[in-house]
């Protein structure tokens, strides 16, 4: 099923919104990388659509010293699927993730 056709104005607004979301998530990842933000602090903000929509793997990979392989192993050890978003994590998964990163 195809999405409904958009007017030029709707398309322009959607593109602007998507760009703003990408920019916001890039800033969050930079804050994680520079240690201005911890994973525990980020997990407290999952009610924010910008944060909640981020993939767990993207957030973990942004942390210093954690690459794709370590992210993958960590998520597997904690029991988080690779396509899970931050807002989709359960209480136990959040606690286990914070414990593993401490």
PDB file of N, CA and C in Angstrom:
ATOM      1  N   UNK A   1       0.835  -1.171   0.000  1.00  0.00           N
ATOM      2  CA  UNK A   1       0.000   0.000   0.000  1.00  0.00           C
ATOM      3  C   UNK A   1       0.886   1.243   0.000  1.00  0.00           C
ATOM      4  N   UNK A   2       0.619   2.145  -0.905  1.00  0.00           N
ATOM      5  CA  UNK A   2       1.414   3.364  -1.039  1.00  0.00           C
ATOM      6  C   UNK A   2       0.912   4.456  -0.096  1.00  0.00           C
ATOM      7  N   UNK A   3       1.821   5.283   0.384  1.00  0.00           N
ATOM      8  CA  UNK A   3       1.384   6.405   1.228  1.00  0.00           C
ATOM      9  C   UNK A   3       0.599   7.410   0.386  1.00  0.00           C
ATOM     10  N   UNK A   4      -0.247   8.192   1.026  1.00  0.00           N
ATOM     11  CA  UNK A   4      -1.027   9.162   0.258  1.00  0.00           C
ATOM     12  C   UNK A   4      -0.106  10.209  -0.368  1.00  0.00           C
ATOM     13  N   UNK A   5      -0.479  10.698  -1.548  1.00  0.00           N
ATOM     14  CA  UNK A   5       0.361  11.719  -2.184  1.00  0.00           C
ATOM     15  C   UNK A   5       0.349  13.014  -1.362  1.00  0.00           C
ATOM     16  N   UNK A   6       1.495  13.672  -1.301  1.00  0.00           N
ATOM     17  CA  UNK A   6       1.625  14.906  -0.528  1.00  0.00           C
ATOM     18  C   UNK A   6       1.676  16.109  -1.457  1.00  0.00           C
ATOM     19  N   UNK A   7       1.140  17.207  -0.974  1.00  0.00           N
ATOM     20  CA  UNK A   7       1.285  18.449  -1.720  1.00  0.00           C
ATOM     21  C   UNK A   7       2.725  18.920  -1.545  1.00  0.00           C
ATOM     22  N   UNK A   8       3.129  19.871  -2.354  1.00  0.00           N
ATOM     23  CA  UNK A   8       4.493  20.401  -2.242  1.00  0.00           C
ATOM     24  C   UNK A   8       4.743  20.966  -0.842  1.00  0.00           C
ATOM     25  N   UNK A   9       3.746  21.663  -0.287  1.00  0.00           N
ATOM     26  CA  UNK A   9       3.885  22.254   1.046  1.00  0.00           C
ATOM     27  C   UNK A   9       4.028  21.168   2.114  1.00  0.00           C
ATOM     28  N   UNK A  10       3.208  20.118   2.029  1.00  0.00           N
ATOM     29  CA  UNK A  10       3.283  19.018   2.993  1.00  0.00           C
ATOM     30  C   UNK A  10       4.639  18.326   2.903  1.00  0.00           C
ATOM     31  N   UNK A  11       5.104  18.137   1.687  1.00  0.00           N
ATOM     32  CA  UNK A  11       6.408  17.500   1.478  1.00  0.00           C
ATOM     33  C   UNK A  11       7.524  18.356   2.078  1.00  0.00           C
ATOM     34  N   UNK A  12       7.467  19.665   1.846  1.00  0.00           N
ATOM     35  CA  UNK A  12       8.472  20.577   2.380  1.00  0.00           C
ATOM     36  C   UNK A  12       8.480  20.541   3.907  1.00  0.00           C
ATOM     37  N   UNK A  13       7.281  20.534   4.515  1.00  0.00           N
ATOM     38  CA  UNK A  13       7.180  20.482   5.975  1.00  0.00           C
ATOM     39  C   UNK A  13       7.727  19.160   6.522  1.00  0.00           C
ATOM     40  N   UNK A  14       7.411  18.061   5.836  1.00  0.00           N
ATOM     41  CA  UNK A  14       7.893  16.749   6.277  1.00  0.00           C
ATOM     42  C   UNK A  14       9.419  16.676   6.201  1.00  0.00           C
ATOM     43  N   UNK A  15       9.982  17.222   5.135  1.00  0.00           N
ATOM     44  CA  UNK A  15      11.442  17.221   4.991  1.00  0.00           C
ATOM     45  C   UNK A  15      12.106  18.079   6.065  1.00  0.00           C
ATOM     46  N   UNK A  16      11.505  19.215   6.382  1.00  0.00           N
ATOM     47  CA  UNK A  16      12.056  20.086   7.426  1.00  0.00           C
ATOM     48  C   UNK A  16      11.985  19.401   8.788  1.00  0.00           C
ATOM     49  N   UNK A  17      10.873  18.723   9.053  1.00  0.00           N
ATOM     50  CA  UNK A  17      10.716  18.019  10.329  1.00  0.00           C
ATOM     51  C   UNK A  17      11.746  16.893  10.446  1.00  0.00           C
ATOM     52  N   UNK A  18      11.936  16.140   9.362  1.00  0.00           N
ATOM     53  CA  UNK A  18      12.904  15.039   9.369  1.00  0.00           C
ATOM     54  C   UNK A  18      14.325  15.565   9.584  1.00  0.00           C
ATOM     55  N   UNK A  19      14.643  16.688   8.965  1.00  0.00           N
ATOM     56  CA  UNK A  19      15.975  17.275   9.133  1.00  0.00           C
ATOM     57  C   UNK A  19      16.193  17.717  10.580  1.00  0.00           C
ATOM     58  N   UNK A  20      15.157  18.283  11.192  1.00  0.00           N
ATOM     59  CA  UNK A  20      15.263  18.718  12.589  1.00  0.00           C
ATOM     60  C   UNK A  20      15.473  17.523  13.521  1.00  0.00           C
ATOM     61  N   UNK A  21      14.789  16.422  13.243  1.00  0.00           N
ATOM     62  CA  UNK A  21      14.939  15.208  14.057  1.00  0.00           C
ATOM     63  C   UNK A  21      16.357  14.656  13.917  1.00  0.00           C
ATOM     64  N   UNK A  22      16.856  14.593  12.684  1.00  0.00           N
ATOM     65  CA  UNK A  22      18.224  14.100  12.465  1.00  0.00           C
ATOM     66  C   UNK A  22      19.245  14.973  13.190  1.00  0.00           C
ATOM     67  N   UNK A  23      19.059  16.285  13.122  1.00  0.00           N
ATOM     68  CA  UNK A  23      19.982  17.206  13.788  1.00  0.00           C
ATOM     69  C   UNK A  23      19.929  17.016  15.305  1.00  0.00           C
ATOM     70  N   UNK A  24      18.732  16.883  15.848  1.00  0.00           N
ATOM     71  CA  UNK A  24      18.578  16.684  17.292  1.00  0.00           C
ATOM     72  C   UNK A  24      19.224  15.398  17.765  1.00  0.00           C
ATOM     73  N   UNK A  25      19.037  14.325  17.008  1.00  0.00           N
ATOM     74  CA  UNK A  25      19.635  13.043  17.389  1.00  0.00           C
ATOM     75  C   UNK A  25      21.153  13.087  17.255  1.00  0.00           C
ATOM     76  N   UNK A  26      21.651  13.808  16.263  1.00  0.00           N
ATOM     77  CA  UNK A  26      23.102  13.957  16.112  1.00  0.00           C
ATOM     78  C   UNK A  26      23.683  14.701  17.313  1.00  0.00           C
ATOM     79  N   UNK A  27      22.959  15.701  17.811  1.00  0.00           N
ATOM     80  CA  UNK A  27      23.414  16.438  18.995  1.00  0.00           C
ATOM     81  C   UNK A  27      23.431  15.532  20.226  1.00  0.00           C
ATOM     82  N   UNK A  28      22.418  14.681  20.351  1.00  0.00           N
ATOM     83  CA  UNK A  28      22.367  13.741  21.479  1.00  0.00           C
ATOM     84  C   UNK A  28      23.555  12.787  21.412  1.00  0.00           C
ATOM     85  N   UNK A  29      23.836  12.271  20.212  1.00  0.00           N
ATOM     86  CA  UNK A  29      24.968  11.351  20.060  1.00  0.00           C
ATOM     87  C   UNK A  29      26.293  12.057  20.360  1.00  0.00           C
ATOM     88  N   UNK A  30      26.402  13.311  19.967  1.00  0.00           N
ATOM     89  CA  UNK A  30      27.617  14.077  20.273  1.00  0.00           C
ATOM     90  C   UNK A  30      27.752  14.271  21.783  1.00  0.00           C
ATOM     91  N   UNK A  31      26.633  14.538  22.459  1.00  0.00           N
ATOM     92  CA  UNK A  31      26.667  14.687  23.922  1.00  0.00           C
ATOM     93  C   UNK A  31      27.085  13.388  24.598  1.00  0.00           C
ATOM     94  N   UNK A  32      26.606  12.257  24.088  1.00  0.00           N
ATOM     95  CA  UNK A  32      27.017  10.958  24.631  1.00  0.00           C
ATOM     96  C   UNK A  32      28.511  10.742  24.403  1.00  0.00           C
ATOM     97  N   UNK A  33      28.959  11.052  23.208  1.00  0.00           N
ATOM     98  CA  UNK A  33      30.355  10.857  22.848  1.00  0.00           C
ATOM     99  C   UNK A  33      31.290  11.733  23.685  1.00  0.00           C
ATOM    100  N   UNK A  34      30.854  12.951  23.974  1.00  0.00           N
ATOM    101  CA  UNK A  34      31.673  13.885  24.755  1.00  0.00           C
ATOM    102  C   UNK A  34      31.456  13.750  26.257  1.00  0.00           C
ATOM    103  N   UNK A  35      30.650  12.778  26.646  1.00  0.00           N
ATOM    104  CA  UNK A  35      30.338  12.494  28.055  1.00  0.00           C
ATOM    105  C   UNK A  35      29.618  13.638  28.765  1.00  0.00           C
ATOM    106  N   UNK A  36      28.903  14.449  28.003  1.00  0.00           N
ATOM    107  CA  UNK A  36      28.055  15.482  28.613  1.00  0.00           C
ATOM    108  C   UNK A  36      26.710  14.879  29.007  1.00  0.00           C
ATOM    109  N   UNK A  37      26.447  13.668  28.521  1.00  0.00           N
ATOM    110  CA  UNK A  37      25.196  12.965  28.778  1.00  0.00           C
ATOM    111  C   UNK A  37      25.525  11.495  29.003  1.00  0.00           C
ATOM    112  N   UNK A  38      24.931  10.901  30.033  1.00  0.00           N
ATOM    113  CA  UNK A  38      25.147   9.475  30.287  1.00  0.00           C
ATOM    114  C   UNK A  38      23.977   8.681  29.724  1.00  0.00           C
ATOM    115  N   UNK A  39      24.181   7.394  29.582  1.00  0.00           N
ATOM    116  CA  UNK A  39      23.107   6.532  29.095  1.00  0.00           C
ATOM    117  C   UNK A  39      21.947   6.532  30.085  1.00  0.00           C
ATOM    118  N   UNK A  40      22.243   6.553  31.373  1.00  0.00           N
ATOM    119  CA  UNK A  40      21.185   6.579  32.393  1.00  0.00           C
ATOM    120  C   UNK A  40      20.337   7.841  32.251  1.00  0.00           C
ATOM    121  N   UNK A  41      20.986   8.978  32.020  1.00  0.00           N
ATOM    122  CA  UNK A  41      20.248  10.236  31.831  1.00  0.00           C
ATOM    123  C   UNK A  41      19.407  10.182  30.566  1.00  0.00           C
ATOM    124  N   UNK A  42      19.963   9.593  29.523  1.00  0.00           N
ATOM    125  CA  UNK A  42      19.230   9.481  28.264  1.00  0.00           C
ATOM    126  C   UNK A  42      17.991   8.608  28.430  1.00  0.00           C
ATOM    127  N   UNK A  43      18.137   7.505  29.155  1.00  0.00           N
ATOM    128  CA  UNK A  43      17.008   6.593  29.348  1.00  0.00           C
ATOM    129  C   UNK A  43      15.889   7.221  30.173  1.00  0.00           C
ATOM    130  N   UNK A  44      16.204   8.230  30.956  1.00  0.00           N
ATOM    131  CA  UNK A  44      15.170   8.939  31.719  1.00  0.00           C
ATOM    132  C   UNK A  44      14.340   9.855  30.828  1.00  0.00           C
ATOM    133  N   UNK A  45      14.837  10.139  29.631  1.00  0.00           N
ATOM    134  CA  UNK A  45      14.171  11.083  28.731  1.00  0.00           C
ATOM    135  C   UNK A  45      13.449  10.405  27.570  1.00  0.00           C
ATOM    136  N   UNK A  46      13.130   9.124  27.684  1.00  0.00           N
ATOM    137  CA  UNK A  46      12.531   8.411  26.558  1.00  0.00           C
ATOM    138  C   UNK A  46      11.109   8.841  26.242  1.00  0.00           C
ATOM    139  N   UNK A  47      10.484   9.635  27.114  1.00  0.00           N
ATOM    140  CA  UNK A  47       9.160  10.142  26.785  1.00  0.00           C
ATOM    141  C   UNK A  47       9.246  11.266  25.747  1.00  0.00           C
ATOM    142  N   UNK A  48      10.438  11.825  25.556  1.00  0.00           N
ATOM    143  CA  UNK A  48      10.672  12.810  24.500  1.00  0.00           C
ATOM    144  C   UNK A  48      10.727  12.042  23.176  1.00  0.00           C
ATOM    145  N   UNK A  49       9.883  12.394  22.187  1.00  0.00           N
ATOM    146  CA  UNK A  49       9.869  11.649  20.916  1.00  0.00           C
ATOM    147  C   UNK A  49      11.227  11.609  20.219  1.00  0.00           C
ATOM    148  N   UNK A  50      12.012  12.645  20.388  1.00  0.00           N
ATOM    149  CA  UNK A  50      13.335  12.695  19.774  1.00  0.00           C
ATOM    150  C   UNK A  50      14.232  11.601  20.341  1.00  0.00           C
ATOM    151  N   UNK A  51      14.178  11.423  21.650  1.00  0.00           N
ATOM    152  CA  UNK A  51      14.996  10.412  22.328  1.00  0.00           C
ATOM    153  C   UNK A  51      14.375   9.033  22.160  1.00  0.00           C
ATOM    154  N   UNK A  52      13.081   8.919  22.389  1.00  0.00           N
ATOM    155  CA  UNK A  52      12.403   7.629  22.332  1.00  0.00           C
ATOM    156  C   UNK A  52      12.501   6.951  20.981  1.00  0.00           C
ATOM    157  N   UNK A  53      12.605   7.738  19.921  1.00  0.00           N
ATOM    158  CA  UNK A  53      12.682   7.177  18.581  1.00  0.00           C
ATOM    159  C   UNK A  53      14.065   6.724  18.162  1.00  0.00           C
ATOM    160  N   UNK A  54      15.071   7.008  18.989  1.00  0.00           N
ATOM    161  CA  UNK A  54      16.442   6.587  18.660  1.00  0.00           C
ATOM    162  C   UNK A  54      16.596   5.087  18.834  1.00  0.00           C
ATOM    163  N   UNK A  55      17.378   4.489  17.967  1.00  0.00           N
ATOM    164  CA  UNK A  55      17.678   3.070  18.138  1.00  0.00           C
ATOM    165  C   UNK A  55      18.694   2.910  19.268  1.00  0.00           C
ATOM    166  N   UNK A  56      18.515   1.847  20.025  1.00  0.00           N
ATOM    167  CA  UNK A  56      19.426   1.560  21.138  1.00  0.00           C
ATOM    168  C   UNK A  56      20.850   1.415  20.609  1.00  0.00           C
ATOM    169  N   UNK A  57      20.998   0.744  19.484  1.00  0.00           N
ATOM    170  CA  UNK A  57      22.336   0.523  18.926  1.00  0.00           C
ATOM    171  C   UNK A  57      23.020   1.840  18.567  1.00  0.00           C
ATOM    172  N   UNK A  58      22.274   2.812  18.063  1.00  0.00           N
ATOM    173  CA  UNK A  58      22.861   4.114  17.713  1.00  0.00           C
ATOM    174  C   UNK A  58      23.330   4.842  18.965  1.00  0.00           C
ATOM    175  N   UNK A  59      22.536   4.781  20.023  1.00  0.00           N
ATOM    176  CA  UNK A  59      22.910   5.449  21.274  1.00  0.00           C
ATOM    177  C   UNK A  59      24.146   4.787  21.882  1.00  0.00           C
ATOM    178  N   UNK A  60      24.173   3.461  21.901  1.00  0.00           N
ATOM    179  CA  UNK A  60      25.319   2.754  22.484  1.00  0.00           C
ATOM    180  C   UNK A  60      26.587   2.997  21.677  1.00  0.00           C
ATOM    181  N   UNK A  61      26.473   2.971  20.359  1.00  0.00           N
ATOM    182  CA  UNK A  61      27.642   3.176  19.503  1.00  0.00           C
ATOM    183  C   UNK A  61      28.224   4.576  19.657  1.00  0.00           C
ATOM    184  N   UNK A  62      27.410   5.520  20.108  1.00  0.00           N
ATOM    185  CA  UNK A  62      27.887   6.892  20.297  1.00  0.00           C
ATOM    186  C   UNK A  62      28.734   7.034  21.557  1.00  0.00           C
ATOM    187  N   UNK A  63      28.622   6.077  22.468  1.00  0.00           N
ATOM    188  CA  UNK A  63      29.402   6.143  23.707  1.00  0.00           C
ATOM    189  C   UNK A  63      30.881   5.906  23.414  1.00  0.00           C
ATOM    190  N   UNK A  64      31.769   6.619  24.109  1.00  0.00           N
ATOM    191  CA  UNK A  64      33.203   6.426  23.884  1.00  0.00           C
ATOM    192  C   UNK A  64      33.634   5.002  24.230  1.00  0.00           C
ATOM    193  N   UNK A  65      34.426   4.415  23.348  1.00  0.00           N
ATOM    194  CA  UNK A  65      34.960   3.082  23.603  1.00  0.00           C
ATOM    195  C   UNK A  65      34.022   1.944  23.259  1.00  0.00           C
ATOM    196  N   UNK A  66      32.853   2.262  22.722  1.00  0.00           N
ATOM    197  CA  UNK A  66      31.905   1.206  22.362  1.00  0.00           C
ATOM    198  C   UNK A  66      31.647   1.292  20.863  1.00  0.00           C
ATOM    199  N   UNK A  67      32.123   0.280  20.150  1.00  0.00           N
ATOM    200  CA  UNK A  67      31.920   0.225  18.715  1.00  0.00           C
ATOM    201  C   UNK A  67      30.761  -0.687  18.365  1.00  0.00           C
ATOM    202  N   UNK A  68      30.656  -1.018  17.096  1.00  0.00           N
ATOM    203  CA  UNK A  68      29.542  -1.842  16.630  1.00  0.00           C
ATOM    204  C   UNK A  68      29.564  -3.248  17.227  1.00  0.00           C
ATOM    205  N   UNK A  69      30.733  -3.854  17.297  1.00  0.00           N
ATOM    206  CA  UNK A  69      30.812  -5.218  17.835  1.00  0.00           C
ATOM    207  C   UNK A  69      30.470  -5.256  19.319  1.00  0.00           C
ATOM    208  N   UNK A  70      31.028  -4.337  20.080  1.00  0.00           N
ATOM    209  CA  UNK A  70      30.738  -4.315  21.516  1.00  0.00           C
ATOM    210  C   UNK A  70      29.263  -3.982  21.752  1.00  0.00           C
ATOM    211  N   UNK A  71      28.709  -3.092  20.933  1.00  0.00           N
ATOM    212  CA  UNK A  71      27.287  -2.754  21.029  1.00  0.00           C
ATOM    213  C   UNK A  71      26.443  -3.994  20.798  1.00  0.00           C
ATOM    214  N   UNK A  72      26.775  -4.736  19.759  1.00  0.00           N
ATOM    215  CA  UNK A  72      26.025  -5.941  19.414  1.00  0.00           C
ATOM    216  C   UNK A  72      26.087  -6.973  20.538  1.00  0.00           C
ATOM    217  N   UNK A  73      27.288  -7.200  21.073  1.00  0.00           N
ATOM    218  CA  UNK A  73      27.444  -8.173  22.163  1.00  0.00           C
ATOM    219  C   UNK A  73      26.717  -7.728  23.426  1.00  0.00           C
ATOM    220  N   UNK A  74      26.792  -6.449  23.728  1.00  0.00           N
ATOM    221  CA  UNK A  74      26.127  -5.902  24.909  1.00  0.00           C
ATOM    222  C   UNK A  74      24.611  -6.049  24.792  1.00  0.00           C
ATOM    223  N   UNK A  75      24.073  -5.720  23.632  1.00  0.00           N
ATOM    224  CA  UNK A  75      22.626  -5.831  23.435  1.00  0.00           C
ATOM    225  C   UNK A  75      22.176  -7.286  23.523  1.00  0.00           C
ATOM    226  N   UNK A  76      22.971  -8.186  22.982  1.00  0.00           N
ATOM    227  CA  UNK A  76      22.634  -9.610  23.051  1.00  0.00           C
ATOM    228  C   UNK A  76      22.668 -10.105  24.496  1.00  0.00           C
ATOM    229  N   UNK A  77      23.685  -9.697  25.241  1.00  0.00           N
ATOM    230  CA  UNK A  77      23.824 -10.107  26.638  1.00  0.00           C
ATOM    231  C   UNK A  77      22.653  -9.605  27.489  1.00  0.00           C
ATOM    232  N   UNK A  78      22.180  -8.399  27.203  1.00  0.00           N
ATOM    233  CA  UNK A  78      21.085  -7.803  27.972  1.00  0.00           C
ATOM    234  C   UNK A  78      19.720  -8.284  27.477  1.00  0.00           C
ATOM    235  N   UNK A  79      19.680  -8.837  26.270  1.00  0.00           N
ATOM    236  CA  UNK A  79      18.416  -9.332  25.725  1.00  0.00           C
ATOM    237  C   UNK A  79      17.621  -8.271  24.987  1.00  0.00           C
ATOM    238  N   UNK A  80      18.328  -7.407  24.253  1.00  0.00           N
ATOM    239  CA  UNK A  80      17.684  -6.347  23.478  1.00  0.00           C
ATOM    240  C   UNK A  80      17.846  -6.681  21.998  1.00  0.00           C
ATOM    241  N   UNK A  81      16.747  -6.688  21.267  1.00  0.00           N
ATOM    242  CA  UNK A  81      16.798  -6.945  19.834  1.00  0.00           C
ATOM    243  C   UNK A  81      17.515  -5.801  19.123  1.00  0.00           C
ATOM    244  N   UNK A  82      18.168  -6.116  18.003  1.00  0.00           N
ATOM    245  CA  UNK A  82      18.998  -5.122  17.321  1.00  0.00           C
ATOM    246  C   UNK A  82      18.221  -3.934  16.756  1.00  0.00           C
ATOM    247  N   UNK A  83      16.929  -4.099  16.492  1.00  0.00           N
ATOM    248  CA  UNK A  83      16.148  -3.001  15.920  1.00  0.00           C
ATOM    249  C   UNK A  83      15.311  -2.250  16.962  1.00  0.00           C
ATOM    250  N   UNK A  84      15.549  -2.503  18.233  1.00  0.00           N
ATOM    251  CA  UNK A  84      14.759  -1.897  19.320  1.00  0.00           C
ATOM    252  C   UNK A  84      15.084  -0.411  19.466  1.00  0.00           C
ATOM    253  N   UNK A  85      14.066   0.359  19.743  1.00  0.00           N
ATOM    254  CA  UNK A  85      14.236   1.794  19.999  1.00  0.00           C
ATOM    255  C   UNK A  85      14.232   2.027  21.507  1.00  0.00           C
ATOM    256  N   UNK A  86      14.762   3.152  21.936  1.00  0.00           N
ATOM    257  CA  UNK A  86      14.899   3.429  23.369  1.00  0.00           C
ATOM    258  C   UNK A  86      13.558   3.384  24.094  1.00  0.00           C
ATOM    259  N   UNK A  87      12.490   3.907  23.468  1.00  0.00           N
ATOM    260  CA  UNK A  87      11.190   3.913  24.146  1.00  0.00           C
ATOM    261  C   UNK A  87      10.622   2.503  24.297  1.00  0.00           C
ATOM    262  N   UNK A  88      11.132   1.543  23.555  1.00  0.00           N
ATOM    263  CA  UNK A  88      10.638   0.176  23.596  1.00  0.00           C
ATOM    264  C   UNK A  88      11.325  -0.708  24.625  1.00  0.00           C
ATOM    265  N   UNK A  89      12.269  -0.157  25.370  1.00  0.00           N
ATOM    266  CA  UNK A  89      12.970  -0.952  26.380  1.00  0.00           C
ATOM    267  C   UNK A  89      12.116  -1.107  27.629  1.00  0.00           C
ATOM    268  N   UNK A  90      12.139  -2.305  28.181  1.00  0.00           N
ATOM    269  CA  UNK A  90      11.442  -2.555  29.431  1.00  0.00           C
ATOM    270  C   UNK A  90      12.292  -2.127  30.617  1.00  0.00           C
ATOM    271  N   UNK A  91      11.680  -2.117  31.777  1.00  0.00           N
ATOM    272  CA  UNK A  91      12.370  -1.678  33.002  1.00  0.00           C
ATOM    273  C   UNK A  91      13.608  -2.529  33.272  1.00  0.00           C
ATOM    274  N   UNK A  92      13.469  -3.842  33.144  1.00  0.00           N
ATOM    275  CA  UNK A  92      14.611  -4.737  33.413  1.00  0.00           C
ATOM    276  C   UNK A  92      15.730  -4.536  32.397  1.00  0.00           C
ATOM    277  N   UNK A  93      15.354  -4.304  31.137  1.00  0.00           N
ATOM    278  CA  UNK A  93      16.368  -4.073  30.111  1.00  0.00           C
ATOM    279  C   UNK A  93      17.133  -2.781  30.396  1.00  0.00           C
ATOM    280  N   UNK A  94      16.417  -1.739  30.794  1.00  0.00           N
ATOM    281  CA  UNK A  94      17.069  -0.465  31.132  1.00  0.00           C
ATOM    282  C   UNK A  94      18.042  -0.652  32.292  1.00  0.00           C
ATOM    283  N   UNK A  95      17.559  -1.331  33.340  1.00  0.00           N
ATOM    284  CA  UNK A  95      18.404  -1.554  34.516  1.00  0.00           C
ATOM    285  C   UNK A  95      19.637  -2.375  34.158  1.00  0.00           C
ATOM    286  N   UNK A  96      19.452  -3.423  33.356  1.00  0.00           N
ATOM    287  CA  UNK A  96      20.578  -4.274  32.962  1.00  0.00           C
ATOM    288  C   UNK A  96      21.575  -3.496  32.106  1.00  0.00           C
ATOM    289  N   UNK A  97      21.074  -2.665  31.230  1.00  0.00           N
ATOM    290  CA  UNK A  97      21.937  -1.866  30.367  1.00  0.00           C
ATOM    291  C   UNK A  97      22.777  -0.889  31.192  1.00  0.00           C
ATOM    292  N   UNK A  98      22.142  -0.218  32.126  1.00  0.00           N
ATOM    293  CA  UNK A  98      22.866   0.722  32.992  1.00  0.00           C
ATOM    294  C   UNK A  98      23.897  -0.020  33.839  1.00  0.00           C
ATOM    295  N   UNK A  99      23.519  -1.199  34.345  1.00  0.00           N
ATOM    296  CA  UNK A  99      24.439  -2.003  35.157  1.00  0.00           C
ATOM    297  C   UNK A  99      25.654  -2.421  34.321  1.00  0.00           C
ATOM    298  N   UNK A 100      25.430  -2.839  33.089  1.00  0.00           N
ATOM    299  CA  UNK A 100      26.533  -3.270  32.214  1.00  0.00           C
ATOM    300  C   UNK A 100      27.470  -2.113  31.875  1.00  0.00           C
ATOM    301  N   UNK A 101      26.924  -0.917  31.781  1.00  0.00           N
ATOM    302  CA  UNK A 101      27.733   0.242  31.400  1.00  0.00           C
ATOM    303  C   UNK A 101      28.432   0.898  32.582  1.00  0.00           C
ATOM    304  N   UNK A 102      28.074   0.490  33.794  1.00  0.00           N
ATOM    305  CA  UNK A 102      28.686   1.092  34.994  1.00  0.00           C
ATOM    306  C   UNK A 102      30.048   0.504  35.288  1.00  0.00           C
TER     307      UNK A 102
END
